Each structure stands twice: as structure tokens, then as C-alpha cells.
Amino acid sequence: MHIGVIGATGTIGSQVVTEALERGHHVRAFSRDATQAQRAERRDNITWASLDVLDPQGIAGVLPGLDVLISAFQPGNAARDFDETVRRSIADPTVYATAARALLKGLESHPRTRLIVIGGAGSLEIAPGVVRADSDELLHTTLDQLGLPRAYAAAVRGHRDALDVLRLSNRLWTYFSPAEEIAPGERTGRFRVGGDQPVLDAEGRSRISVEDAAVALVDEAELPRFVQRRFTVGY
């Protein structure tokens, strides 16, 4: 397959690139400025290019030849400066929905190209009809536990709004909500897949490693199960 990855230098995006390459796929890796990554790249079956995810024409221009485009867009590079990404996400929480609209607009000229958007966990149903992103109290409790500022609630809702944008589209989109706790760790390949509710472990925690999230994303790219739907994973 030919897989495009937006945000290919980020925490999740870089792992998706590695996972796809190790499975023998051809990867087109995109970042805001791909110059440095392109110089350092030594792997086969990968090409780098600069891309602005908010530019629909630019997106349309990179779609020819791609089977699926995976967007790991974040306003900043959390792998390099997590705090800066958090600050930028709080400053403009509408950017996620803006990016979703740009991606869908770009796909208008290539409607058969599949799109997988990596979003947030705050829009998952934690009980029937109860979404954490809809409640300040629930959101603040979770953000406190994760060590994030309460102002980040705006970014959580921004991710939810991006999902709502996708849900109004007839494109071949998939939305991925990672577990609430996601961090670099071990690639086990052993996890459970869910839909609109979080997957909890025996301790009631929603957690996944970045490496296993990448496994789940490339699994979905290879064998689509959630077209025009959201999915999540957890241990």
C-alpha cells in the first residue's frame, strides 16, 4: 500500500511511519518543514515532503497515488516540545475542526482515498449518553489526573468538534480516539479495539502505548473496519 502520514515527525506520526515501513508499505511522510527529516532519512520506501494541513489545495496535490492518508496533526510537535503544543492547542482550539475541513476539501478531487484522523479521547462515551468533553467537572478531573492544565479542556472540545465535522461528511473517513493515557512504551501487538466507548483494563484505566496505537492505525489502514466511524483501543 501507499500510505501518507501527516505529522510524520511527531510522537504518534513517527511511530505510524515506522510501523508502516516495517510491514513493507510505501510511505509519503509529511511535516510542516520536511527539509531536516529528508536529509536525515536513511530508510527505504519513504519520501518526505512539506505540507500545510490547513491548505486544501496542498492536500489535494499530494493525494494522487495514495491509498490512505493518516493525519496525526497537532499545532506544534509534542515529541520536541510538549508544553508548546499544549499552549498552542489552548490558544486556538478551533484548529482541529479547521484541519478536518481542509482534509475533507482536499479529498473532494480524490474521493476514493481513505482518511484516518488521529484525534482525542474526550469525545468517547464514558457512560450511556455521557461524554467527558461535555462536562467541565469530568474534564477537569481527568486533566488534573493527567497533569494537564484545566484550560486544555478547550482543546479537548476542539477534537470533539473535528469529529463532528467528519460525521457530516460522506468521504471515506475514520476517526481514531486513542486511550486517555497514551505515551511511548512497548510494542506488544496485544490490545482490544472498541468503538465509541473507551476500552478499560482490569484497573479501570484507559491506556495504550504509542507503539501499539501505531499498530492499530496501520491495521485499520490495511483492513478497514471503521469507515465513516470512530474507533479506539486499549489494554
Protein backbone atom coordinates (compact mmCIF):
# COMPACT_ATOMS: atom_id res chain seq x y z
CA MET A 1 0.00 0.00 0.00
CA HIS A 2 0.92 3.65 -0.35
CA ILE A 3 0.27 5.44 2.94
CA GLY A 4 0.59 9.16 3.57
CA VAL A 5 1.29 10.36 7.10
CA ILE A 6 0.76 13.99 8.14
CA GLY A 7 2.67 14.95 11.26
CA ALA A 8 5.27 12.30 10.49
CA THR A 9 7.87 13.73 12.88
CA GLY A 10 5.52 13.77 15.87
CA THR A 11 5.12 11.28 18.68
CA ILE A 12 2.37 9.16 17.11
CA GLY A 13 3.04 10.03 13.47
CA SER A 14 6.66 8.90 13.60
CA GLN A 15 5.61 5.55 15.06
CA VAL A 16 2.98 5.12 12.36
CA VAL A 17 5.69 5.71 9.75
CA THR A 18 7.96 3.11 11.36
CA GLU A 19 5.15 0.56 11.69
CA ALA A 20 4.06 1.01 8.08
CA LEU A 21 7.62 0.71 6.76
CA GLU A 22 8.28 -2.42 8.79
CA ARG A 23 5.20 -4.01 7.19
CA GLY A 24 6.55 -3.28 3.73
CA HIS A 25 4.34 -0.35 2.79
CA HIS A 26 5.43 2.71 0.86
CA VAL A 27 5.19 5.87 2.96
CA ARG A 28 4.92 9.51 1.98
CA ALA A 29 5.79 11.41 5.12
CA PHE A 30 4.59 15.00 5.56
CA SER A 31 5.51 17.71 8.05
CA ARG A 32 5.39 21.50 8.10
CA ASP A 33 9.05 21.64 7.10
CA ALA A 34 10.37 18.29 5.92
CA THR A 35 13.83 19.55 4.96
CA GLN A 36 15.68 18.32 8.03
CA ALA A 37 13.87 14.99 8.18
CA GLN A 38 14.53 14.39 4.49
CA ARG A 39 18.26 14.95 4.97
CA ALA A 40 18.41 12.54 7.90
CA GLU A 41 16.26 9.79 6.36
CA ARG A 42 18.10 6.55 5.60
CA ARG A 43 15.21 4.09 5.30
CA ASP A 44 13.84 2.60 2.09
CA ASN A 45 10.32 3.10 0.71
CA ILE A 46 9.82 6.55 2.24
CA THR A 47 9.73 10.03 0.74
CA TRP A 48 9.37 13.30 2.63
CA ALA A 49 7.55 16.47 1.66
CA SER A 50 6.46 19.68 3.37
CA LEU A 51 2.70 20.13 3.75
CA ASP A 52 0.37 22.59 5.46
CA VAL A 53 -2.61 20.61 6.77
CA LEU A 54 -4.75 23.76 6.66
CA ASP A 55 -4.23 24.13 2.88
CA PRO A 56 -6.87 22.11 0.95
CA GLN A 57 -5.12 22.65 -2.40
CA GLY A 58 -1.84 21.43 -0.98
CA ILE A 59 -3.57 18.36 0.43
CA ALA A 60 -5.24 17.61 -2.90
CA GLY A 61 -1.85 17.89 -4.58
CA VAL A 62 -0.29 15.08 -2.52
CA LEU A 63 -3.19 12.61 -2.76
CA PRO A 64 -2.52 11.05 -6.19
CA GLY A 65 -1.12 7.55 -5.69
CA LEU A 66 -2.07 7.30 -2.01
CA ASP A 67 -4.40 4.57 -0.78
CA VAL A 68 -4.87 6.14 2.62
CA LEU A 69 -3.86 9.40 4.31
CA ILE A 70 -3.32 9.33 8.08
CA SER A 71 -3.37 12.69 9.83
CA ALA A 72 -1.51 12.95 13.14
CA PHE A 73 -1.73 16.74 13.02
CA GLN A 74 -1.03 18.73 16.16
CA PRO A 75 -0.45 22.51 16.43
CA GLY A 76 3.20 22.02 17.28
CA ASN A 77 5.45 19.00 17.68
CA ALA A 78 4.74 17.33 21.01
CA ALA A 79 7.71 15.00 20.54
CA ARG A 80 10.04 18.00 20.63
CA ASP A 81 8.19 20.41 22.93
CA PHE A 82 5.09 19.02 24.62
CA ASP A 83 4.37 22.17 26.63
CA GLU A 84 4.44 24.33 23.50
CA THR A 85 1.95 22.02 21.79
CA VAL A 86 -0.35 22.27 24.81
CA ARG A 87 -0.09 26.08 24.78
CA ARG A 88 -0.85 26.30 21.07
CA SER A 89 -3.76 23.89 21.38
CA ILE A 90 -5.29 26.03 24.12
CA ALA A 91 -4.67 29.26 22.18
CA ASP A 92 -6.63 28.06 19.13
CA PRO A 93 -8.79 25.02 19.84
CA THR A 94 -10.69 25.55 16.57
CA VAL A 95 -7.65 24.43 14.58
CA TYR A 96 -8.65 20.76 14.76
CA ALA A 97 -12.01 21.35 13.09
CA THR A 98 -10.34 23.68 10.57
CA ALA A 99 -7.86 20.93 9.69
CA ALA A 100 -10.69 18.40 9.33
CA ARG A 101 -12.49 20.69 6.89
CA ALA A 102 -9.29 21.23 4.90
CA LEU A 103 -8.66 17.49 4.69
CA LEU A 104 -12.20 16.82 3.51
CA LYS A 105 -11.97 19.64 0.97
CA GLY A 106 -8.73 18.20 -0.37
CA LEU A 107 -10.39 14.80 -0.73
CA GLU A 108 -13.12 16.18 -2.98
CA SER A 109 -10.91 15.60 -6.02
CA HIS A 110 -9.85 12.11 -4.78
CA PRO A 111 -12.96 10.66 -3.10
CA ARG A 112 -11.64 7.09 -3.11
CA THR A 113 -8.63 7.94 -0.95
CA ARG A 114 -9.29 6.93 2.63
CA LEU A 115 -8.64 9.34 5.50
CA ILE A 116 -7.76 8.39 9.08
CA VAL A 117 -7.69 11.28 11.56
CA ILE A 118 -5.99 10.82 14.93
CA GLY A 119 -7.98 12.80 17.45
CA GLY A 120 -8.68 12.78 21.18
CA ALA A 121 -10.31 10.58 23.79
CA GLY A 122 -12.53 13.25 25.33
CA SER A 123 -15.40 12.60 22.93
CA LEU A 124 -15.73 8.93 23.94
CA GLU A 125 -18.85 7.92 25.88
CA ILE A 126 -17.84 7.09 29.45
CA ALA A 127 -21.44 6.05 30.22
CA PRO A 128 -24.55 5.84 28.02
CA GLY A 129 -25.06 9.35 26.68
CA VAL A 130 -22.27 10.79 28.85
CA VAL A 131 -19.31 12.36 27.05
CA ARG A 132 -16.45 13.76 29.10
CA ALA A 133 -15.97 16.69 26.71
CA ASP A 134 -19.48 17.93 27.54
CA SER A 135 -18.78 18.36 31.26
CA ASP A 136 -16.35 20.81 32.86
CA GLU A 137 -16.35 18.77 36.06
CA LEU A 138 -15.50 15.49 34.34
CA LEU A 139 -12.93 17.11 32.08
CA HIS A 140 -11.17 18.96 34.88
CA THR A 141 -10.93 15.80 36.98
CA THR A 142 -9.31 13.91 34.10
CA LEU A 143 -6.97 16.76 33.18
CA ASP A 144 -5.87 17.02 36.81
CA GLN A 145 -5.09 13.29 36.83
CA LEU A 146 -3.11 13.57 33.59
CA GLY A 147 -1.18 16.62 34.78
CA LEU A 148 -2.61 18.90 32.11
CA PRO A 149 -3.87 22.45 32.72
CA ARG A 150 -7.63 22.77 33.03
CA ALA A 151 -7.56 25.28 30.17
CA TYR A 152 -6.74 22.31 27.92
CA ALA A 153 -10.46 21.49 28.11
CA ALA A 154 -10.87 23.84 25.14
CA ALA A 155 -8.53 21.65 23.06
CA VAL A 156 -10.40 18.50 24.11
CA ARG A 157 -13.60 20.07 22.84
CA GLY A 158 -11.76 21.14 19.70
CA HIS A 159 -11.02 17.48 18.95
CA ARG A 160 -14.69 16.66 19.54
CA ASP A 161 -15.69 19.38 17.09
CA ALA A 162 -13.36 17.90 14.46
CA LEU A 163 -15.12 14.55 14.85
CA ASP A 164 -18.45 16.31 14.36
CA VAL A 165 -17.13 17.82 11.12
CA LEU A 166 -16.17 14.38 9.85
CA ARG A 167 -19.51 12.88 10.83
CA LEU A 168 -21.26 15.26 8.43
CA SER A 169 -19.10 14.10 5.52
CA ASN A 170 -19.67 11.30 3.02
CA ARG A 171 -15.92 10.82 2.45
CA LEU A 172 -14.15 7.60 3.42
CA TRP A 173 -13.05 8.89 6.81
CA THR A 174 -12.13 7.12 10.03
CA TYR A 175 -11.55 8.85 13.37
CA PHE A 176 -9.17 7.34 15.91
CA SER A 177 -9.58 8.18 19.59
CA PRO A 178 -6.54 6.87 21.45
CA ALA A 179 -6.82 5.78 25.06
CA GLU A 180 -6.88 8.56 27.66
CA GLU A 181 -3.38 7.58 28.79
CA ILE A 182 -1.03 7.30 25.82
CA ALA A 183 2.75 7.51 26.00
CA PRO A 184 5.83 5.90 24.42
CA GLY A 185 6.31 2.38 25.69
CA GLU A 186 6.33 -1.15 24.31
CA ARG A 187 5.01 -2.60 21.07
CA THR A 188 3.08 -5.65 22.23
CA GLY A 189 0.54 -6.00 19.42
CA ARG A 190 -1.92 -7.13 22.10
CA PHE A 191 -4.78 -4.77 22.80
CA ARG A 192 -8.54 -4.53 22.44
CA VAL A 193 -10.44 -2.46 19.91
CA GLY A 194 -13.58 -0.50 20.71
CA GLY A 195 -15.96 1.95 19.10
CA ASP A 196 -17.49 4.95 20.86
CA GLN A 197 -16.71 3.83 24.42
CA PRO A 198 -13.22 3.67 25.97
CA VAL A 199 -11.54 0.29 26.39
CA LEU A 200 -10.63 -0.17 30.07
CA ASP A 201 -8.14 -2.53 31.64
CA ALA A 202 -8.66 -4.56 34.83
CA GLU A 203 -7.87 -1.46 36.91
CA GLY A 204 -10.44 0.63 35.06
CA ARG A 205 -7.78 2.61 33.20
CA SER A 206 -7.92 3.63 29.56
CA ARG A 207 -4.33 3.28 28.38
CA ILE A 208 -2.21 2.34 25.35
CA SER A 209 1.39 2.75 24.27
CA VAL A 210 2.18 4.96 21.30
CA GLU A 211 3.71 1.91 19.62
CA ASP A 212 0.53 -0.16 19.95
CA ALA A 213 -1.59 2.80 18.82
CA ALA A 214 0.52 2.80 15.65
CA VAL A 215 -0.13 -0.93 15.22
CA ALA A 216 -3.88 -0.30 15.47
CA LEU A 217 -3.72 2.55 12.96
CA VAL A 218 -1.81 0.56 10.35
CA ASP A 219 -4.14 -2.41 10.97
CA GLU A 220 -7.04 -0.12 10.09
CA ALA A 221 -5.21 1.16 7.02
CA GLU A 222 -4.68 -2.40 5.79
CA LEU A 223 -8.08 -3.86 6.66
CA PRO A 224 -10.66 -1.09 7.12
CA ARG A 225 -13.28 -1.85 9.75
CA PHE A 226 -14.35 1.65 10.73
CA VAL A 227 -15.10 3.59 7.56
CA GLN A 228 -17.23 6.62 8.43
CA ARG A 229 -16.91 5.60 12.07
CA ARG A 230 -14.72 6.21 15.11
CA PHE A 231 -12.66 3.58 16.90
CA THR A 232 -10.46 3.38 19.94
CA VAL A 233 -8.05 0.91 21.52
CA GLY A 234 -6.83 0.00 24.97
CA TYR A 235 -5.34 -2.80 27.04
